[in-house]
N, C-alpha and C. Protein backbone atom coordinates (compact mmCIF):
# COMPACT_ATOMS: atom_id res chain seq x y z
N MET A 1 44.71 105.64 103.01
CA MET A 1 45.63 104.91 102.32
C MET A 1 46.47 104.11 103.13
N THR A 2 46.46 104.46 104.56
CA THR A 2 47.19 103.55 105.75
C THR A 2 46.61 102.12 105.59
N GLY A 3 45.64 102.16 105.58
CA GLY A 3 45.17 100.58 105.52
C GLY A 3 45.98 99.79 104.34
N ILE A 4 45.84 100.58 103.20
CA ILE A 4 46.65 99.76 101.89
C ILE A 4 47.88 99.48 102.18
N ALA A 5 48.88 100.39 102.68
CA ALA A 5 50.22 100.26 103.42
C ALA A 5 50.49 99.12 104.32
N ALA A 6 49.35 99.32 105.11
CA ALA A 6 49.51 98.03 106.35
C ALA A 6 49.56 96.67 105.74
N PHE A 7 48.26 96.80 104.72
CA PHE A 7 48.33 95.20 103.87
C PHE A 7 49.55 95.09 103.07
N LEU A 8 50.04 95.97 102.41
CA LEU A 8 51.58 95.64 101.86
C LEU A 8 52.46 95.25 102.43
N LYS A 9 52.63 96.07 103.84
CA LYS A 9 53.68 95.71 104.92
C LYS A 9 53.41 94.22 105.30
N SER A 10 52.02 93.42 105.56
CA SER A 10 51.84 92.32 105.92
C SER A 10 52.17 91.56 104.96
N ALA A 11 52.30 91.92 103.94
CA ALA A 11 52.37 90.94 102.47
C ALA A 11 53.70 91.05 102.19
N GLY A 12 54.73 91.72 102.92
CA GLY A 12 56.04 91.48 102.62
C GLY A 12 56.79 92.61 102.40
N VAL A 13 56.33 93.81 102.11
CA VAL A 13 57.01 95.15 101.73
C VAL A 13 57.61 95.47 103.27
N ASN A 14 58.87 95.49 103.52
CA ASN A 14 59.29 96.05 104.83
C ASN A 14 59.60 97.44 104.78
N ASP A 15 59.73 98.02 103.78
CA ASP A 15 59.99 99.37 104.09
C ASP A 15 58.75 100.32 103.91
N ASP A 16 58.58 101.31 104.97
CA ASP A 16 57.26 101.86 105.16
C ASP A 16 57.05 102.81 104.04
N ALA A 17 58.13 103.50 103.73
CA ALA A 17 58.13 104.41 102.65
C ALA A 17 57.68 103.91 101.20
N THR A 18 58.40 102.57 100.78
CA THR A 18 57.61 101.82 99.91
C THR A 18 56.43 101.52 99.97
N ALA A 19 55.89 101.07 100.95
CA ALA A 19 54.53 100.82 101.30
C ALA A 19 53.49 101.90 100.71
N ARG A 20 53.97 102.80 101.31
CA ARG A 20 53.25 104.02 101.04
C ARG A 20 53.35 104.79 99.99
N ARG A 21 54.48 104.72 99.03
CA ARG A 21 54.69 105.22 97.54
C ARG A 21 53.53 103.98 96.81
N ILE A 22 53.63 102.86 97.05
CA ILE A 22 52.60 101.73 96.32
C ILE A 22 51.12 102.11 96.52
N ALA A 23 50.96 102.56 97.79
CA ALA A 23 49.58 102.83 97.98
C ALA A 23 49.08 103.75 97.34
N ARG A 24 49.96 104.99 97.23
CA ARG A 24 49.39 106.24 96.59
C ARG A 24 49.36 105.67 94.90
N GLU A 25 50.03 104.82 94.36
CA GLU A 25 49.85 104.12 93.23
C GLU A 25 48.18 103.57 92.89
N PHE A 26 47.70 103.45 94.20
CA PHE A 26 46.16 103.15 93.82
C PHE A 26 45.12 104.07 94.16
N ALA A 27 45.78 105.16 94.40
CA ALA A 27 44.84 106.14 94.54
C ALA A 27 44.63 107.26 93.41
N ASP A 28 43.62 107.88 93.11
CA ASP A 28 43.30 108.86 92.10
C ASP A 28 43.63 110.27 92.37
N GLU A 29 43.51 111.05 91.62
CA GLU A 29 44.50 112.55 91.70
C GLU A 29 43.71 113.12 93.11
N LYS A 30 42.87 112.98 93.65
CA LYS A 30 42.39 113.40 95.00
C LYS A 30 42.52 112.65 95.97
N GLY A 31 43.21 111.41 95.84
CA GLY A 31 43.61 110.63 96.81
C GLY A 31 42.67 109.72 97.51
N ASN A 32 41.41 109.63 96.29
CA ASN A 32 40.68 108.41 96.81
C ASN A 32 40.84 107.07 96.03
N VAL A 33 40.67 105.93 96.86
CA VAL A 33 40.96 104.84 96.21
C VAL A 33 39.59 103.93 95.99
N GLN A 34 39.47 103.49 94.65
CA GLN A 34 38.44 102.94 94.17
C GLN A 34 38.65 101.61 94.26
N PHE A 35 37.73 100.82 94.31
CA PHE A 35 37.84 99.49 94.48
C PHE A 35 38.00 98.64 93.28
N PHE A 36 37.58 99.01 92.19
CA PHE A 36 37.57 98.50 91.04
C PHE A 36 38.10 99.76 90.04
N ASN A 37 38.95 99.24 89.00
CA ASN A 37 39.66 99.98 87.90
C ASN A 37 40.43 100.99 88.38
N ASN A 38 41.21 100.99 89.48
CA ASN A 38 41.96 101.94 90.04
C ASN A 38 43.40 102.05 89.44
N PRO A 39 44.02 102.85 89.51
CA PRO A 39 45.46 103.03 88.52
C PRO A 39 46.18 101.98 88.99
N GLY A 40 46.20 101.53 90.35
CA GLY A 40 47.16 100.34 90.85
C GLY A 40 46.76 99.04 90.22
N GLN A 41 45.43 99.17 90.28
CA GLN A 41 45.05 97.80 89.67
C GLN A 41 45.12 97.38 88.19
N LYS A 42 45.18 98.96 87.53
CA LYS A 42 45.43 98.73 85.95
C LYS A 42 46.98 98.64 85.97
N LYS A 43 47.79 99.06 86.98
CA LYS A 43 49.44 98.77 86.68
C LYS A 43 50.07 97.48 87.08
N TYR A 44 49.52 96.78 88.22
CA TYR A 44 49.64 95.30 88.57
C TYR A 44 48.98 94.18 88.36
N GLY A 45 47.59 94.47 87.81
CA GLY A 45 46.60 93.86 87.20
C GLY A 45 45.87 93.03 88.26
N GLY A 46 45.25 92.31 88.21
CA GLY A 46 44.19 91.71 88.95
C GLY A 46 42.74 91.97 89.05
N ASP A 47 42.08 91.11 89.20
CA ASP A 47 40.67 91.32 89.21
C ASP A 47 40.03 92.28 90.43
N THR A 48 40.61 92.00 91.66
CA THR A 48 40.21 92.57 92.94
C THR A 48 41.49 93.45 93.39
N LEU A 49 40.97 94.44 94.25
CA LEU A 49 41.89 95.17 94.69
C LEU A 49 42.93 94.62 95.50
N SER A 50 42.53 93.57 96.43
CA SER A 50 43.59 92.75 97.46
C SER A 50 44.48 91.89 96.30
N PHE A 51 43.92 91.38 94.95
CA PHE A 51 44.76 90.62 94.53
C PHE A 51 45.97 91.53 93.78
N ALA A 52 45.61 92.76 93.28
CA ALA A 52 46.46 93.88 92.83
C ALA A 52 47.53 94.08 93.56
N LEU A 53 47.01 94.48 94.75
CA LEU A 53 48.14 94.79 96.10
C LEU A 53 49.06 93.50 96.49
N LEU A 54 48.47 92.47 96.23
CA LEU A 54 49.27 91.12 96.37
C LEU A 54 50.63 91.19 95.28
N LYS A 55 50.23 91.34 94.27
CA LYS A 55 51.10 91.24 92.97
C LYS A 55 51.99 92.37 93.09
N ALA A 56 51.48 93.42 93.40
CA ALA A 56 52.36 94.78 93.63
C ALA A 56 53.58 94.29 94.97
N ALA A 57 52.85 94.01 95.67
CA ALA A 57 54.01 93.15 97.19
C ALA A 57 54.84 92.40 96.43
N GLU A 58 54.34 91.36 95.67
CA GLU A 58 55.09 90.15 95.50
C GLU A 58 56.42 90.80 94.41
N LYS A 59 56.09 92.05 93.36
CA LYS A 59 57.04 92.57 92.46
C LYS A 59 58.17 93.52 93.53
N ILE A 60 57.57 93.95 94.49
CA ILE A 60 58.59 94.27 95.26
C ILE A 60 59.50 93.47 96.12
N THR A 61 59.05 92.49 96.66
CA THR A 61 59.59 91.66 97.59
C THR A 61 60.35 90.60 96.78
N PHE A 62 59.91 89.99 95.46
CA PHE A 62 60.69 89.10 94.89
C PHE A 62 61.15 89.64 93.42
N GLY A 63 61.06 90.68 93.30
CA GLY A 63 61.73 91.40 92.03
C GLY A 63 60.64 91.16 90.73
N GLN A 64 61.15 91.49 89.90
CA GLN A 64 60.27 91.55 88.37
C GLN A 64 59.78 90.33 88.33
N ASP A 65 60.55 89.24 88.24
CA ASP A 65 60.17 87.94 87.76
C ASP A 65 59.53 87.09 88.82
N GLY A 66 59.08 87.51 89.62
CA GLY A 66 58.67 86.57 90.90
C GLY A 66 59.40 86.13 91.85
N PRO A 67 58.96 85.17 92.78
CA PRO A 67 59.74 84.49 93.63
C PRO A 67 60.87 83.43 92.85
N ALA A 68 61.87 83.45 93.59
CA ALA A 68 62.95 82.60 92.95
C ALA A 68 62.67 80.94 93.11
N ALA A 69 63.03 80.00 92.51
CA ALA A 69 62.54 78.82 92.41
C ALA A 69 63.11 77.88 93.91
N GLY A 70 62.31 77.54 94.54
CA GLY A 70 62.25 76.88 95.68
C GLY A 70 62.15 78.10 96.98
N VAL A 71 62.15 79.13 96.62
CA VAL A 71 61.75 80.10 97.63
C VAL A 71 60.27 80.30 98.15
N PRO A 72 59.84 79.62 99.29
CA PRO A 72 58.22 79.94 99.60
C PRO A 72 58.00 81.15 99.96
N THR A 73 56.71 81.46 99.15
CA THR A 73 56.24 82.94 99.64
C THR A 73 55.45 82.96 100.96
N THR A 74 55.10 84.17 101.52
CA THR A 74 54.57 84.34 102.76
C THR A 74 53.33 85.27 102.38
N ILE A 75 53.09 85.44 101.13
CA ILE A 75 51.80 86.47 101.00
C ILE A 75 50.65 85.84 101.06
N PRO A 76 49.89 86.30 102.30
CA PRO A 76 48.44 85.72 102.49
C PRO A 76 47.56 85.88 101.18
N ARG A 77 46.56 84.76 101.27
CA ARG A 77 45.59 84.61 100.21
C ARG A 77 44.62 85.88 100.55
N PRO A 78 44.14 86.42 99.28
CA PRO A 78 43.25 87.47 99.43
C PRO A 78 41.77 86.91 100.07
N GLU A 79 41.26 87.54 100.63
CA GLU A 79 40.06 87.48 101.35
C GLU A 79 39.19 87.26 100.57
N SER A 80 38.91 88.10 99.22
CA SER A 80 37.91 87.75 98.24
C SER A 80 37.84 86.19 97.19
N SER A 81 38.93 85.69 97.76
CA SER A 81 38.75 84.45 97.07
C SER A 81 38.17 83.39 97.80
N ARG A 82 37.89 83.39 98.89
CA ARG A 82 37.22 82.56 99.99
C ARG A 82 35.94 82.32 99.63
N THR A 83 35.32 81.34 99.66
CA THR A 83 33.72 81.17 99.18
C THR A 83 33.03 80.77 100.44
N VAL A 84 31.71 81.51 100.66
CA VAL A 84 30.88 80.99 101.67
C VAL A 84 29.85 80.50 101.03
N ARG A 85 29.29 78.94 101.85
CA ARG A 85 28.03 78.63 101.21
C ARG A 85 27.16 78.86 102.25
N LEU A 86 25.85 79.32 101.93
CA LEU A 86 24.73 79.91 102.95
C LEU A 86 23.85 78.75 102.31
N GLU A 87 23.12 77.67 103.51
CA GLU A 87 22.05 76.94 103.05
C GLU A 87 20.67 77.96 103.50
N LEU A 88 19.74 78.04 102.93
CA LEU A 88 18.86 78.91 102.86
C LEU A 88 17.35 77.91 103.31
N ASN A 89 17.10 78.26 104.53
CA ASN A 89 15.69 77.36 104.80
C ASN A 89 14.64 78.58 105.34
N LEU A 90 13.32 78.12 105.18
CA LEU A 90 12.35 78.98 105.50
C LEU A 90 11.36 77.91 106.45
N ASN A 91 10.92 78.01 107.45
CA ASN A 91 9.98 77.50 107.94
C ASN A 91 10.39 75.97 107.98
N GLY A 92 11.54 75.42 107.90
CA GLY A 92 11.82 74.18 107.98
C GLY A 92 11.80 73.53 106.40
N ARG A 93 11.82 74.79 105.37
CA ARG A 93 11.46 74.13 103.95
C ARG A 93 12.87 74.47 103.33
N ASP A 94 13.50 73.55 102.79
CA ASP A 94 14.87 73.81 101.74
C ASP A 94 14.69 74.99 100.90
N LEU A 95 15.42 75.89 100.85
CA LEU A 95 15.25 76.86 99.35
C LEU A 95 16.27 76.66 98.81
N GLY A 96 17.60 75.85 99.07
CA GLY A 96 18.68 75.54 98.40
C GLY A 96 19.70 76.23 98.84
N THR A 97 20.79 76.50 98.34
CA THR A 97 22.00 76.95 98.75
C THR A 97 22.65 78.20 97.92
N VAL A 98 23.50 79.07 98.41
CA VAL A 98 24.17 80.01 97.72
C VAL A 98 25.85 80.06 98.08
N ASN A 99 26.47 79.92 96.78
CA ASN A 99 28.04 80.04 97.04
C ASN A 99 28.40 81.52 96.73
N THR A 100 28.66 82.09 97.71
CA THR A 100 29.29 83.68 97.47
C THR A 100 30.71 83.98 98.26
N ASP A 101 31.10 85.21 98.57
CA ASP A 101 32.06 85.66 99.22
C ASP A 101 31.53 86.05 100.23
N PRO A 102 32.80 86.50 101.25
CA PRO A 102 32.20 87.01 102.82
C PRO A 102 31.56 88.25 102.58
N ALA A 103 31.69 89.14 101.56
CA ALA A 103 30.64 90.42 101.40
C ALA A 103 29.52 90.01 101.35
N GLY A 104 29.18 89.11 100.25
CA GLY A 104 27.76 88.58 100.04
C GLY A 104 27.10 88.05 100.80
N ALA A 105 27.87 87.01 101.78
CA ALA A 105 27.18 86.34 102.79
C ALA A 105 26.81 87.42 103.97
N GLY A 106 27.49 88.49 104.24
CA GLY A 106 27.15 89.48 105.07
C GLY A 106 25.75 90.28 104.58
N ALA A 107 25.69 90.52 103.06
CA ALA A 107 24.57 91.19 102.57
C ALA A 107 23.41 90.24 102.80
N ILE A 108 23.54 89.00 102.48
CA ILE A 108 22.35 88.03 102.77
C ILE A 108 21.77 87.89 104.16
N GLU A 109 22.75 87.67 105.11
CA GLU A 109 22.44 87.81 106.24
C GLU A 109 21.89 89.02 106.88
N GLY A 110 22.26 90.19 106.38
CA GLY A 110 21.60 91.31 106.64
C GLY A 110 20.14 91.56 106.01
N LEU A 111 20.12 91.23 105.06
CA LEU A 111 18.63 91.30 104.51
C LEU A 111 17.81 90.32 105.22
N PHE A 112 18.05 89.04 105.69
CA PHE A 112 17.40 88.40 106.62
C PHE A 112 16.98 88.96 107.89
N THR A 113 18.04 89.59 108.55
CA THR A 113 17.66 90.27 109.66
C THR A 113 16.76 91.47 109.61
N GLU A 114 16.83 92.21 108.24
CA GLU A 114 15.93 93.29 108.14
C GLU A 114 14.52 92.42 108.05
N LEU A 115 14.21 91.33 107.09
CA LEU A 115 13.16 90.50 107.09
C LEU A 115 12.59 90.14 108.42
N ARG A 116 13.26 89.74 109.41
CA ARG A 116 12.65 89.18 110.70
C ARG A 116 12.34 90.72 111.56
N ALA A 117 12.87 91.66 111.24
CA ALA A 117 12.43 92.69 112.18
C ALA A 117 11.39 93.33 111.62
N ALA A 118 11.16 93.42 110.30
CA ALA A 118 9.86 93.83 109.51
C ALA A 118 9.03 93.01 109.86
N ARG A 119 9.04 91.59 109.76
CA ARG A 119 7.94 90.88 110.24
C ARG A 119 7.34 90.84 111.84
N GLY A 120 8.52 90.99 112.45
CA GLY A 120 7.79 91.19 113.90
C GLY A 120 7.26 92.68 114.26
N SER A 121 7.52 93.76 113.45
CA SER A 121 6.45 94.82 113.40
C SER A 121 5.37 95.02 112.89
N ALA A 122 5.56 94.35 111.65
CA ALA A 122 4.00 93.81 110.92
C ALA A 122 3.00 93.09 111.87
N SER A 123 3.25 92.12 112.61
CA SER A 123 2.74 91.47 113.24
C SER A 123 2.26 92.11 114.53
N ARG A 124 3.01 93.28 114.84
CA ARG A 124 2.40 94.01 116.10
C ARG A 124 1.39 94.86 115.68
N GLY A 125 1.40 95.45 114.75
CA GLY A 125 0.47 96.42 114.24
C GLY A 125 -0.61 96.03 113.66
């Protein structure tokens, strides 16, 4: 939960005790944080954990009604909202593109790494 508290502090929650209290709201009774449908997400809303944390930070930083008119926010954009476009090619042949998030891009690149390693070991055997 210290990672969640650190995220909240970087999003504008200045008080360490408040950040830790909010972080506990995202954990279950055993102290585990689920990435989806956790208690904090249910309380603050948001389709991802990071978005719910940003909403919690915004509530603390700017009060119940959000930021005052004309006051710029400094809350970072959640990582999960960034789109990664992968262009797929095999032996010079275009197989199309995939739009995904950074985690999806990592999974696809990991798959390609495993396929390359398997191809190398199959050609040696």
